[in-house]
Amino acid sequence: GGWAGVPVRVDLSVRCLDRSERELRAL
């Protein structure tokens, strides 16, 4: 949450053979 509750952004990408979008949606 950082200093004084400042939001932290984290980006996630998923890599798997021709299922990346489906797995990202499942996560």
PDB file of all heavy atoms in Angstrom:
ATOM      1  N   GLY A   1       0.796  -1.206   0.000  1.00  0.00           N
ATOM      2  CA  GLY A   1       0.000   0.000   0.000  1.00  0.00           C
ATOM      3  C   GLY A   1       0.832   1.261   0.000  1.00  0.00           C
ATOM      4  O   GLY A   1       0.317   2.349  -0.112  1.00  0.00           O
ATOM      5  N   GLY A   2       2.147   1.145   0.109  1.00  0.00           N
ATOM      6  CA  GLY A   2       3.001   2.311   0.027  1.00  0.00           C
ATOM      7  C   GLY A   2       2.833   3.253   1.216  1.00  0.00           C
ATOM      8  O   GLY A   2       2.226   2.924   2.214  1.00  0.00           O
ATOM      9  N   TRP A   3       3.387   4.404   1.073  1.00  0.00           N
ATOM     10  CA  TRP A   3       3.347   5.411   2.131  1.00  0.00           C
ATOM     11  C   TRP A   3       1.954   6.002   2.219  1.00  0.00           C
ATOM     12  O   TRP A   3       1.348   6.332   1.209  1.00  0.00           O
ATOM     13  CB  TRP A   3       4.354   6.506   1.830  1.00  0.00           C
ATOM     14  CG  TRP A   3       5.749   6.026   1.957  1.00  0.00           C
ATOM     15  CD1 TRP A   3       6.347   5.035   1.238  1.00  0.00           C
ATOM     16  CD2 TRP A   3       6.712   6.465   2.880  1.00  0.00           C
ATOM     17  NE1 TRP A   3       7.619   4.840   1.650  1.00  0.00           N
ATOM     18  CE2 TRP A   3       7.878   5.710   2.660  1.00  0.00           C
ATOM     19  CE3 TRP A   3       6.714   7.422   3.874  1.00  0.00           C
ATOM     20  CZ2 TRP A   3       9.021   5.887   3.403  1.00  0.00           C
ATOM     21  CZ3 TRP A   3       7.867   7.607   4.600  1.00  0.00           C
ATOM     22  CH2 TRP A   3       8.994   6.843   4.371  1.00  0.00           C
ATOM     23  N   ALA A   4       1.438   6.114   3.389  1.00  0.00           N
ATOM     24  CA  ALA A   4       0.139   6.748   3.648  1.00  0.00           C
ATOM     25  C   ALA A   4      -0.981   6.112   2.833  1.00  0.00           C
ATOM     26  O   ALA A   4      -1.902   6.778   2.413  1.00  0.00           O
ATOM     27  CB  ALA A   4       0.224   8.247   3.374  1.00  0.00           C
ATOM     28  N   GLY A   5      -0.874   4.827   2.600  1.00  0.00           N
ATOM     29  CA  GLY A   5      -1.958   4.124   1.922  1.00  0.00           C
ATOM     30  C   GLY A   5      -2.055   4.366   0.437  1.00  0.00           C
ATOM     31  O   GLY A   5      -3.081   4.109  -0.168  1.00  0.00           O
ATOM     32  N   VAL A   6      -0.981   4.875  -0.199  1.00  0.00           N
ATOM     33  CA  VAL A   6      -0.999   5.101  -1.638  1.00  0.00           C
ATOM     34  C   VAL A   6      -1.087   3.742  -2.333  1.00  0.00           C
ATOM     35  O   VAL A   6      -0.305   2.844  -2.036  1.00  0.00           O
ATOM     36  CB  VAL A   6       0.279   5.851  -2.089  1.00  0.00           C
ATOM     37  CG1 VAL A   6       0.346   5.937  -3.604  1.00  0.00           C
ATOM     38  CG2 VAL A   6       0.329   7.218  -1.454  1.00  0.00           C
ATOM     39  N   PRO A   7      -2.041   3.559  -3.232  1.00  0.00           N
ATOM     40  CA  PRO A   7      -2.186   2.258  -3.906  1.00  0.00           C
ATOM     41  C   PRO A   7      -0.945   1.885  -4.709  1.00  0.00           C
ATOM     42  O   PRO A   7      -0.255   2.736  -5.247  1.00  0.00           O
ATOM     43  CB  PRO A   7      -3.376   2.461  -4.836  1.00  0.00           C
ATOM     44  CG  PRO A   7      -4.091   3.648  -4.307  1.00  0.00           C
ATOM     45  CD  PRO A   7      -3.058   4.507  -3.640  1.00  0.00           C
ATOM     46  N   VAL A   8      -0.687   0.601  -4.775  1.00  0.00           N
ATOM     47  CA  VAL A   8       0.414   0.049  -5.561  1.00  0.00           C
ATOM     48  C   VAL A   8      -0.199  -0.703  -6.732  1.00  0.00           C
ATOM     49  O   VAL A   8      -1.138  -1.472  -6.541  1.00  0.00           O
ATOM     50  CB  VAL A   8       1.258  -0.926  -4.704  1.00  0.00           C
ATOM     51  CG1 VAL A   8       2.320  -1.611  -5.541  1.00  0.00           C
ATOM     52  CG2 VAL A   8       1.882  -0.194  -3.529  1.00  0.00           C
ATOM     53  N   ARG A   9       0.310  -0.467  -7.945  1.00  0.00           N
ATOM     54  CA  ARG A   9      -0.182  -1.196  -9.106  1.00  0.00           C
ATOM     55  C   ARG A   9       0.844  -2.242  -9.514  1.00  0.00           C
ATOM     56  O   ARG A   9       2.033  -1.970  -9.595  1.00  0.00           O
ATOM     57  CB  ARG A   9      -0.431  -0.264 -10.280  1.00  0.00           C
ATOM     58  CG  ARG A   9      -1.256  -0.976 -11.370  1.00  0.00           C
ATOM     59  CD  ARG A   9      -1.354  -0.202 -12.651  1.00  0.00           C
ATOM     60  NE  ARG A   9      -0.232  -0.589 -13.473  1.00  0.00           N
ATOM     61  CZ  ARG A   9       0.474   0.257 -14.218  1.00  0.00           C
ATOM     62  NH1 ARG A   9       0.179   1.524 -14.245  1.00  0.00           N
ATOM     63  NH2 ARG A   9       1.487  -0.170 -14.927  1.00  0.00           N
ATOM     64  N   VAL A  10       0.348  -3.439  -9.766  1.00  0.00           N
ATOM     65  CA  VAL A  10       1.176  -4.538 -10.238  1.00  0.00           C
ATOM     66  C   VAL A  10       0.480  -5.133 -11.458  1.00  0.00           C
ATOM     67  O   VAL A  10      -0.724  -5.387 -11.414  1.00  0.00           O
ATOM     68  CB  VAL A  10       1.340  -5.636  -9.153  1.00  0.00           C
ATOM     69  CG1 VAL A  10       2.187  -6.785  -9.674  1.00  0.00           C
ATOM     70  CG2 VAL A  10       1.929  -5.056  -7.887  1.00  0.00           C
ATOM     71  N   ASP A  11       1.226  -5.303 -12.544  1.00  0.00           N
ATOM     72  CA  ASP A  11       0.669  -5.907 -13.762  1.00  0.00           C
ATOM     73  C   ASP A  11       1.124  -7.354 -13.858  1.00  0.00           C
ATOM     74  O   ASP A  11       2.290  -7.664 -13.610  1.00  0.00           O
ATOM     75  CB  ASP A  11       1.130  -5.145 -15.010  1.00  0.00           C
ATOM     76  CG  ASP A  11       0.543  -3.752 -15.082  1.00  0.00           C
ATOM     77  OD1 ASP A  11      -0.582  -3.555 -14.572  1.00  0.00           O
ATOM     78  OD2 ASP A  11       1.197  -2.857 -15.640  1.00  0.00           O
ATOM     79  N   LEU A  12       0.197  -8.231 -14.218  1.00  0.00           N
ATOM     80  CA  LEU A  12       0.486  -9.649 -14.374  1.00  0.00           C
ATOM     81  C   LEU A  12       0.221 -10.041 -15.817  1.00  0.00           C
ATOM     82  O   LEU A  12      -0.787  -9.628 -16.392  1.00  0.00           O
ATOM     83  CB  LEU A  12      -0.415 -10.497 -13.481  1.00  0.00           C
ATOM     84  CG  LEU A  12      -0.212 -10.457 -11.976  1.00  0.00           C
ATOM     85  CD1 LEU A  12      -0.764  -9.193 -11.374  1.00  0.00           C
ATOM     86  CD2 LEU A  12      -0.877 -11.648 -11.361  1.00  0.00           C
ATOM     87  N   SER A  13       1.114 -10.822 -16.373  1.00  0.00           N
ATOM     88  CA  SER A  13       0.864 -11.425 -17.679  1.00  0.00           C
ATOM     89  C   SER A  13       1.075 -12.922 -17.536  1.00  0.00           C
ATOM     90  O   SER A  13       1.879 -13.373 -16.733  1.00  0.00           O
ATOM     91  CB  SER A  13       1.783 -10.830 -18.753  1.00  0.00           C
ATOM     92  OG  SER A  13       3.143 -11.027 -18.417  1.00  0.00           O
ATOM     93  N   VAL A  14       0.299 -13.679 -18.295  1.00  0.00           N
ATOM     94  CA  VAL A  14       0.336 -15.139 -18.238  1.00  0.00           C
ATOM     95  C   VAL A  14       0.810 -15.651 -19.593  1.00  0.00           C
ATOM     96  O   VAL A  14       0.357 -15.175 -20.631  1.00  0.00           O
ATOM     97  CB  VAL A  14      -1.069 -15.703 -17.909  1.00  0.00           C
ATOM     98  CG1 VAL A  14      -1.104 -17.207 -18.045  1.00  0.00           C
ATOM     99  CG2 VAL A  14      -1.489 -15.286 -16.510  1.00  0.00           C
ATOM    100  N   ARG A  15       1.722 -16.605 -19.546  1.00  0.00           N
ATOM    101  CA  ARG A  15       2.239 -17.169 -20.789  1.00  0.00           C
ATOM    102  C   ARG A  15       2.063 -18.685 -20.772  1.00  0.00           C
ATOM    103  O   ARG A  15       2.589 -19.372 -19.899  1.00  0.00           O
ATOM    104  CB  ARG A  15       3.712 -16.804 -20.949  1.00  0.00           C
ATOM    105  CG  ARG A  15       4.277 -17.114 -22.298  1.00  0.00           C
ATOM    106  CD  ARG A  15       5.696 -16.589 -22.481  1.00  0.00           C
ATOM    107  NE  ARG A  15       6.609 -17.123 -21.470  1.00  0.00           N
ATOM    108  CZ  ARG A  15       7.285 -16.400 -20.593  1.00  0.00           C
ATOM    109  NH1 ARG A  15       7.153 -15.095 -20.571  1.00  0.00           N
ATOM    110  NH2 ARG A  15       8.084 -16.965 -19.731  1.00  0.00           N
ATOM    111  N   CYS A  16       1.275 -19.172 -21.701  1.00  0.00           N
ATOM    112  CA  CYS A  16       1.126 -20.603 -21.892  1.00  0.00           C
ATOM    113  C   CYS A  16       0.615 -20.818 -23.311  1.00  0.00           C
ATOM    114  O   CYS A  16      -0.076 -19.968 -23.865  1.00  0.00           O
ATOM    115  CB  CYS A  16       0.202 -21.233 -20.851  1.00  0.00           C
ATOM    116  SG  CYS A  16      -1.428 -20.539 -20.782  1.00  0.00           S
ATOM    117  N   LEU A  17       0.944 -21.929 -23.867  1.00  0.00           N
ATOM    118  CA  LEU A  17       0.646 -22.220 -25.260  1.00  0.00           C
ATOM    119  C   LEU A  17      -0.838 -22.038 -25.578  1.00  0.00           C
ATOM    120  O   LEU A  17      -1.687 -22.714 -25.018  1.00  0.00           O
ATOM    121  CB  LEU A  17       1.079 -23.659 -25.587  1.00  0.00           C
ATOM    122  CG  LEU A  17       1.021 -24.068 -27.045  1.00  0.00           C
ATOM    123  CD1 LEU A  17       1.937 -23.173 -27.880  1.00  0.00           C
ATOM    124  CD2 LEU A  17       1.451 -25.511 -27.188  1.00  0.00           C
ATOM    125  N   ASP A  18      -1.168 -21.085 -26.426  1.00  0.00           N
ATOM    126  CA  ASP A  18      -2.509 -20.761 -26.932  1.00  0.00           C
ATOM    127  C   ASP A  18      -3.648 -20.818 -25.912  1.00  0.00           C
ATOM    128  O   ASP A  18      -4.788 -21.060 -26.262  1.00  0.00           O
ATOM    129  CB  ASP A  18      -2.843 -21.557 -28.198  1.00  0.00           C
ATOM    130  CG  ASP A  18      -2.890 -23.071 -28.022  1.00  0.00           C
ATOM    131  OD1 ASP A  18      -2.057 -23.603 -27.291  1.00  0.00           O
ATOM    132  OD2 ASP A  18      -3.761 -23.703 -28.632  1.00  0.00           O
ATOM    133  N   ARG A  19      -3.345 -20.568 -24.634  1.00  0.00           N
ATOM    134  CA  ARG A  19      -4.380 -20.484 -23.600  1.00  0.00           C
ATOM    135  C   ARG A  19      -4.169 -19.268 -22.701  1.00  0.00           C
ATOM    136  O   ARG A  19      -4.777 -19.153 -21.646  1.00  0.00           O
ATOM    137  CB  ARG A  19      -4.368 -21.737 -22.703  1.00  0.00           C
ATOM    138  CG  ARG A  19      -4.745 -23.012 -23.334  1.00  0.00           C
ATOM    139  CD  ARG A  19      -4.832 -24.177 -22.331  1.00  0.00           C
ATOM    140  NE  ARG A  19      -4.178 -24.003 -21.054  1.00  0.00           N
ATOM    141  CZ  ARG A  19      -2.909 -24.374 -20.765  1.00  0.00           C
ATOM    142  NH1 ARG A  19      -2.151 -24.924 -21.673  1.00  0.00           N
ATOM    143  NH2 ARG A  19      -2.416 -24.195 -19.562  1.00  0.00           N
ATOM    144  N   SER A  20      -3.297 -18.364 -23.097  1.00  0.00           N
ATOM    145  CA  SER A  20      -2.913 -17.266 -22.212  1.00  0.00           C
ATOM    146  C   SER A  20      -4.101 -16.417 -21.776  1.00  0.00           C
ATOM    147  O   SER A  20      -4.255 -16.119 -20.598  1.00  0.00           O
ATOM    148  CB  SER A  20      -1.851 -16.390 -22.877  1.00  0.00           C
ATOM    149  OG  SER A  20      -0.662 -17.120 -23.040  1.00  0.00           O
ATOM    150  N   GLU A  21      -4.953 -16.020 -22.715  1.00  0.00           N
ATOM    151  CA  GLU A  21      -6.085 -15.172 -22.343  1.00  0.00           C
ATOM    152  C   GLU A  21      -7.048 -15.929 -21.435  1.00  0.00           C
ATOM    153  O   GLU A  21      -7.525 -15.400 -20.427  1.00  0.00           O
ATOM    154  CB  GLU A  21      -6.826 -14.642 -23.564  1.00  0.00           C
ATOM    155  CG  GLU A  21      -7.965 -13.703 -23.160  1.00  0.00           C
ATOM    156  CD  GLU A  21      -8.623 -12.997 -24.343  1.00  0.00           C
ATOM    157  OE1 GLU A  21      -8.139 -13.097 -25.485  1.00  0.00           O
ATOM    158  OE2 GLU A  21      -9.649 -12.336 -24.088  1.00  0.00           O
ATOM    159  N   ARG A  22      -7.313 -17.174 -21.752  1.00  0.00           N
ATOM    160  CA  ARG A  22      -8.219 -17.982 -20.923  1.00  0.00           C
ATOM    161  C   ARG A  22      -7.665 -18.133 -19.506  1.00  0.00           C
ATOM    162  O   ARG A  22      -8.390 -18.006 -18.528  1.00  0.00           O
ATOM    163  CB  ARG A  22      -8.422 -19.341 -21.574  1.00  0.00           C
ATOM    164  CG  ARG A  22      -9.435 -20.201 -20.856  1.00  0.00           C
ATOM    165  CD  ARG A  22      -9.726 -21.482 -21.591  1.00  0.00           C
ATOM    166  NE  ARG A  22      -8.845 -21.655 -22.740  1.00  0.00           N
ATOM    167  CZ  ARG A  22      -8.595 -22.798 -23.326  1.00  0.00           C
ATOM    168  NH1 ARG A  22      -9.155 -23.896 -22.904  1.00  0.00           N
ATOM    169  NH2 ARG A  22      -7.783 -22.889 -24.355  1.00  0.00           N
ATOM    170  N   GLU A  23      -6.363 -18.388 -19.386  1.00  0.00           N
ATOM    171  CA  GLU A  23      -5.750 -18.546 -18.066  1.00  0.00           C
ATOM    172  C   GLU A  23      -5.731 -17.223 -17.306  1.00  0.00           C
ATOM    173  O   GLU A  23      -5.942 -17.188 -16.097  1.00  0.00           O
ATOM    174  CB  GLU A  23      -4.340 -19.125 -18.188  1.00  0.00           C
ATOM    175  CG  GLU A  23      -4.309 -20.546 -18.690  1.00  0.00           C
ATOM    176  CD  GLU A  23      -4.891 -21.559 -17.700  1.00  0.00           C
ATOM    177  OE1 GLU A  23      -5.308 -21.205 -16.590  1.00  0.00           O
ATOM    178  OE2 GLU A  23      -4.930 -22.747 -18.060  1.00  0.00           O
ATOM    179  N   LEU A  24      -5.497 -16.120 -18.014  1.00  0.00           N
ATOM    180  CA  LEU A  24      -5.506 -14.813 -17.372  1.00  0.00           C
ATOM    181  C   LEU A  24      -6.901 -14.503 -16.819  1.00  0.00           C
ATOM    182  O   LEU A  24      -7.048 -14.015 -15.701  1.00  0.00           O
ATOM    183  CB  LEU A  24      -5.076 -13.739 -18.369  1.00  0.00           C
ATOM    184  CG  LEU A  24      -4.665 -12.401 -17.806  1.00  0.00           C
ATOM    185  CD1 LEU A  24      -3.469 -12.541 -16.876  1.00  0.00           C
ATOM    186  CD2 LEU A  24      -4.335 -11.440 -18.927  1.00  0.00           C
ATOM    187  N   ARG A  25      -7.931 -14.843 -17.579  1.00  0.00           N
ATOM    188  CA  ARG A  25      -9.301 -14.648 -17.110  1.00  0.00           C
ATOM    189  C   ARG A  25      -9.599 -15.549 -15.911  1.00  0.00           C
ATOM    190  O   ARG A  25     -10.287 -15.149 -14.978  1.00  0.00           O
ATOM    191  CB  ARG A  25     -10.293 -14.903 -18.246  1.00  0.00           C
ATOM    192  CG  ARG A  25     -10.284 -13.812 -19.303  1.00  0.00           C
ATOM    193  CD  ARG A  25     -11.274 -14.093 -20.433  1.00  0.00           C
ATOM    194  NE  ARG A  25     -11.185 -13.107 -21.470  1.00  0.00           N
ATOM    195  CZ  ARG A  25     -11.750 -11.895 -21.429  1.00  0.00           C
ATOM    196  NH1 ARG A  25     -12.455 -11.534 -20.370  1.00  0.00           N
ATOM    197  NH2 ARG A  25     -11.613 -11.061 -22.428  1.00  0.00           N
ATOM    198  N   ALA A  26      -9.072 -16.775 -15.919  1.00  0.00           N
ATOM    199  CA  ALA A  26      -9.273 -17.690 -14.791  1.00  0.00           C
ATOM    200  C   ALA A  26      -8.585 -17.151 -13.535  1.00  0.00           C
ATOM    201  O   ALA A  26      -9.151 -17.220 -12.432  1.00  0.00           O
ATOM    202  CB  ALA A  26      -8.747 -19.082 -15.133  1.00  0.00           C
ATOM    203  N   LEU A  27      -7.393 -16.589 -13.681  1.00  0.00           N
ATOM    204  CA  LEU A  27      -6.708 -15.995 -12.528  1.00  0.00           C
ATOM    205  C   LEU A  27      -7.489 -14.790 -12.014  1.00  0.00           C
ATOM    206  O   LEU A  27      -7.643 -14.609 -10.801  1.00  0.00           O
ATOM    207  CB  LEU A  27      -5.282 -15.597 -12.901  1.00  0.00           C
ATOM    208  CG  LEU A  27      -4.466 -14.888 -11.822  1.00  0.00           C
ATOM    209  CD1 LEU A  27      -4.401 -15.699 -10.526  1.00  0.00           C
ATOM    210  CD2 LEU A  27      -3.067 -14.564 -12.352  1.00  0.00           C
TER     211      LEU A  27
END
